Amino acid sequence: MNNKNIEAIESLIEKGIYSVNFNQPKWAQSFFLKVIDCFINDNTKNVLECGIGTGFWIKLLFSKYPYIKFYGFDLSDKMIELAKKNLNFFFTNINKKRKYFRY
């Protein structure tokens, strides 16, 4: 992803489209969980989310699978700032230090 793409995503934050209160419709949540159920079983220990965004999806997954360690990253500092408000774990921008965070 280049800087123009990141700037475009971050402009959605500035316009208020993405915020701490960002939510997905119930049908999308239900569909997402049905798809994820096909991949997660009792032996699943770790899940990586690429592009954490506001943290909505990883928070939803953790509510259903609290025994799994969730990891994620994002290229946008502004998205990481939003996710920090929704989630409580370590954050970083993958472009800068290549660290990860865990929920």
Protein backbone atom coordinates (compact mmCIF):
# COMPACT_ATOMS: atom_id res chain seq x y z
CA MET A 1 0.00 0.00 0.00
CA ASN A 2 1.44 3.38 -0.93
CA ASN A 3 1.17 6.70 0.90
CA LYS A 4 -1.77 7.86 -1.26
CA ASN A 5 -3.80 4.84 -0.19
CA ILE A 6 -2.97 5.44 3.46
CA GLU A 7 -3.88 9.13 3.09
CA ALA A 8 -7.21 8.15 1.50
CA ILE A 9 -8.04 5.85 4.41
CA GLU A 10 -7.00 8.48 6.94
CA SER A 11 -9.20 11.07 5.20
CA LEU A 12 -12.19 8.82 6.03
CA ILE A 13 -11.28 9.20 9.70
CA GLU A 14 -11.08 12.97 9.36
CA LYS A 15 -14.52 12.97 7.69
CA GLY A 16 -15.94 10.96 10.58
CA ILE A 17 -16.74 7.87 8.51
CA TYR A 18 -14.45 5.78 10.69
CA SER A 19 -14.59 6.52 14.40
CA VAL A 20 -14.34 4.83 17.77
CA ASN A 21 -18.07 4.12 17.50
CA PHE A 22 -17.71 2.53 14.05
CA ASN A 23 -19.95 -0.51 13.81
CA GLN A 24 -20.85 -3.09 11.20
CA PRO A 25 -24.45 -4.10 10.45
CA LYS A 26 -25.68 -7.22 12.28
CA TRP A 27 -25.97 -9.16 9.01
CA ALA A 28 -22.29 -8.46 8.24
CA GLN A 29 -21.25 -9.54 11.74
CA SER A 30 -23.25 -12.75 11.44
CA PHE A 31 -21.82 -13.53 7.99
CA PHE A 32 -18.26 -12.80 9.16
CA LEU A 33 -18.59 -15.10 12.17
CA LYS A 34 -20.03 -17.91 10.02
CA VAL A 35 -17.07 -17.67 7.65
CA ILE A 36 -14.54 -17.53 10.51
CA ASP A 37 -16.20 -20.55 12.16
CA CYS A 38 -15.08 -22.58 9.13
CA PHE A 39 -11.44 -21.89 10.02
CA ILE A 40 -11.37 -21.84 13.83
CA ASN A 41 -11.57 -24.97 15.94
CA ASP A 42 -10.64 -26.06 19.47
CA ASN A 43 -6.97 -26.33 18.47
CA THR A 44 -6.72 -22.74 17.19
CA LYS A 45 -4.35 -20.77 19.42
CA ASN A 46 -3.46 -17.67 17.38
CA VAL A 47 -5.16 -15.49 14.78
CA LEU A 48 -3.53 -12.66 12.79
CA GLU A 49 -5.62 -9.79 11.45
CA CYS A 50 -3.95 -7.80 8.69
CA GLY A 51 -5.25 -4.24 8.71
CA ILE A 52 -6.74 -3.89 12.20
CA GLY A 53 -8.55 -0.66 11.33
CA THR A 54 -10.80 0.47 14.17
CA GLY A 55 -10.40 -2.86 15.95
CA PHE A 56 -14.05 -3.78 15.40
CA TRP A 57 -13.52 -7.26 13.92
CA ILE A 58 -10.84 -8.41 16.33
CA LYS A 59 -12.99 -7.26 19.26
CA LEU A 60 -15.93 -9.23 17.87
CA LEU A 61 -13.75 -12.32 17.45
CA PHE A 62 -12.36 -12.03 20.98
CA SER A 63 -15.89 -11.88 22.39
CA LYS A 64 -16.63 -15.24 20.74
CA TYR A 65 -13.20 -16.86 21.17
CA PRO A 66 -11.64 -15.54 24.40
CA TYR A 67 -9.19 -18.48 24.57
CA ILE A 68 -7.42 -17.41 21.35
CA LYS A 69 -4.55 -14.90 21.16
CA PHE A 70 -5.33 -12.31 18.50
CA TYR A 71 -2.59 -10.41 16.72
CA GLY A 72 -2.92 -7.63 14.21
CA PHE A 73 -1.27 -4.72 12.49
CA ASP A 74 -2.10 -1.68 10.41
CA LEU A 75 -0.24 0.67 8.12
CA SER A 76 -2.12 3.76 9.27
CA ASP A 77 -1.16 5.57 12.48
CA LYS A 78 -4.64 7.12 12.62
CA MET A 79 -6.33 3.73 12.43
CA ILE A 80 -4.06 2.49 15.20
CA GLU A 81 -5.11 5.47 17.32
CA LEU A 82 -8.78 4.52 16.81
CA ALA A 83 -8.09 0.89 17.63
CA LYS A 84 -6.28 1.92 20.82
CA LYS A 85 -9.52 3.44 22.04
CA ASN A 86 -11.46 0.23 21.32
CA LEU A 87 -8.93 -2.35 22.44
CA ASN A 88 -6.37 -2.67 25.21
CA PHE A 89 -3.11 -4.08 23.94
CA PHE A 90 0.20 -3.09 22.34
CA PHE A 91 0.06 -1.18 19.05
CA THR A 92 2.52 -0.08 16.42
CA ASN A 93 2.64 0.91 12.78
CA ILE A 94 4.00 -2.02 10.76
CA ASN A 95 5.93 0.37 8.50
CA LYS A 96 7.98 1.74 11.37
CA LYS A 97 9.18 -1.00 13.70
CA ARG A 98 7.51 -4.17 12.49
CA LYS A 99 6.22 -5.03 15.94
CA TYR A 100 2.84 -6.58 16.56
CA PHE A 101 0.09 -6.24 19.08
CA ARG A 102 -2.00 -8.78 20.90
CA TYR A 103 -5.54 -8.90 22.28
